[in-house]
């Protein structure tokens, strides 16, 4: 996708969607993600929900396997809907990283 193509798509967004796009860009530039952290030595340094050992890739993979958000919240009682929203946003911003983590862990 070119910047020109992206510009027209960004202009077509609603104001709340534009605000979310700005948040995603700022987070990616500062490499800080609200509710997501990478800690060396914890879960292989993978992106996890803050203060947990729940990797984002695990949640993404579970969703792909048909587990809905309600079930994820039941399965992981320490998670909140806000945590899941942060995980989905992170996964959308870093799809290659998530794909590599899923493939790597499927091989183990």
Protein backbone atom coordinates (compact mmCIF):
# COMPACT_ATOMS: atom_id res chain seq x y z
CA UNK A 1 0.00 0.00 0.00
CA UNK A 2 1.28 3.43 -0.87
CA UNK A 3 1.01 6.51 1.30
CA UNK A 4 -1.29 8.05 -1.32
CA UNK A 5 -3.68 5.08 -1.05
CA UNK A 6 -3.49 5.19 2.73
CA UNK A 7 -4.27 8.92 2.79
CA UNK A 8 -7.59 8.46 0.99
CA UNK A 9 -8.52 5.61 3.33
CA UNK A 10 -7.62 7.63 6.42
CA UNK A 11 -9.71 10.57 5.25
CA UNK A 12 -12.70 8.25 4.81
CA UNK A 13 -12.60 7.15 8.46
CA UNK A 14 -15.05 8.42 11.05
CA UNK A 15 -13.67 10.77 13.73
CA UNK A 16 -13.47 7.96 16.34
CA UNK A 17 -11.68 5.71 13.83
CA UNK A 18 -9.24 8.52 13.04
CA UNK A 19 -8.51 8.92 16.76
CA UNK A 20 -7.84 5.19 17.03
CA UNK A 21 -5.56 5.31 13.96
CA UNK A 22 -3.58 8.16 15.54
CA UNK A 23 -3.27 6.18 18.78
CA UNK A 24 -1.96 3.16 16.89
CA UNK A 25 0.61 5.29 15.03
CA UNK A 26 1.82 7.00 18.20
CA UNK A 27 2.12 3.67 19.99
CA UNK A 28 4.09 2.17 17.12
CA UNK A 29 6.44 5.17 17.00
CA UNK A 30 7.11 5.13 20.73
CA UNK A 31 7.04 1.33 20.87
CA UNK A 32 4.76 1.49 23.90
CA UNK A 33 1.46 -0.29 23.89
CA UNK A 34 -1.06 0.34 26.58
CA UNK A 35 -1.67 -2.94 28.31
CA UNK A 36 0.99 -4.85 26.34
CA UNK A 37 4.55 -5.48 27.46
CA UNK A 38 7.60 -7.43 26.38
CA UNK A 39 9.82 -8.58 29.19
CA UNK A 40 13.06 -10.44 28.47
CA UNK A 41 12.92 -13.86 30.09
CA UNK A 42 9.13 -13.88 30.38
CA UNK A 43 7.33 -16.00 27.78
CA UNK A 44 10.37 -15.83 25.54
CA UNK A 45 10.15 -12.05 25.38
CA UNK A 46 6.87 -12.26 23.44
CA UNK A 47 4.29 -9.48 23.68
CA UNK A 48 2.06 -10.28 26.67
CA UNK A 49 -0.87 -8.70 28.43
CA UNK A 50 0.64 -6.43 31.10
CA UNK A 51 1.30 -8.10 34.45
CA UNK A 52 0.45 -11.54 33.08
CA UNK A 53 2.16 -14.36 31.26
CA UNK A 54 -0.53 -14.42 28.57
CA UNK A 55 1.05 -13.83 25.15
CA UNK A 56 -0.89 -11.89 22.55
CA UNK A 57 -0.27 -14.63 20.00
CA UNK A 58 -2.07 -17.16 22.25
CA UNK A 59 -5.19 -14.99 22.28
CA UNK A 60 -5.03 -14.37 18.54
CA UNK A 61 -4.60 -18.06 17.83
CA UNK A 62 -7.47 -18.97 20.16
CA UNK A 63 -9.74 -16.52 18.34
CA UNK A 64 -8.73 -18.05 15.01
CA UNK A 65 -9.68 -21.46 16.39
CA UNK A 66 -13.19 -20.16 17.06
CA UNK A 67 -12.97 -19.23 20.71
CA UNK A 68 -15.02 -16.07 21.22
CA UNK A 69 -14.14 -13.19 23.53
CA UNK A 70 -16.62 -14.27 26.18
CA UNK A 71 -14.99 -17.70 26.38
CA UNK A 72 -11.51 -16.14 26.47
CA UNK A 73 -12.59 -13.99 29.42
CA UNK A 74 -13.93 -17.11 31.15
CA UNK A 75 -10.76 -19.09 30.37
CA UNK A 76 -8.48 -16.27 31.58
CA UNK A 77 -10.28 -14.69 34.56
CA UNK A 78 -7.56 -12.08 35.07
CA UNK A 79 -8.23 -10.62 31.60
CA UNK A 80 -10.62 -7.80 30.87
CA UNK A 81 -12.37 -6.77 27.67
CA UNK A 82 -9.92 -3.85 27.58
CA UNK A 83 -7.01 -6.34 27.61
CA UNK A 84 -8.50 -8.16 24.63
CA UNK A 85 -9.01 -4.89 22.75
CA UNK A 86 -5.35 -4.02 23.37
CA UNK A 87 -4.29 -7.47 22.17
CA UNK A 88 -6.30 -7.19 18.94
CA UNK A 89 -4.92 -3.71 18.26
CA UNK A 90 -1.36 -4.89 18.85
CA UNK A 91 -1.88 -7.93 16.64
CA UNK A 92 -3.24 -5.75 13.83
CA UNK A 93 -0.21 -3.48 14.08
CA UNK A 94 2.29 -6.35 14.16
CA UNK A 95 0.75 -9.22 12.17
CA UNK A 96 4.11 -10.60 11.03
CA UNK A 97 5.37 -10.84 14.61
CA UNK A 98 2.20 -12.66 15.69
CA UNK A 99 2.35 -15.08 12.73
CA UNK A 100 5.97 -15.96 13.51
CA UNK A 101 5.13 -16.59 17.18
CA UNK A 102 2.16 -18.80 16.29
CA UNK A 103 4.19 -20.83 13.79
CA UNK A 104 7.12 -21.12 16.18
CA UNK A 105 4.92 -22.40 18.99
CA UNK A 106 3.01 -24.82 16.76
CA UNK A 107 6.34 -26.48 15.93
CA UNK A 108 7.25 -26.98 19.61
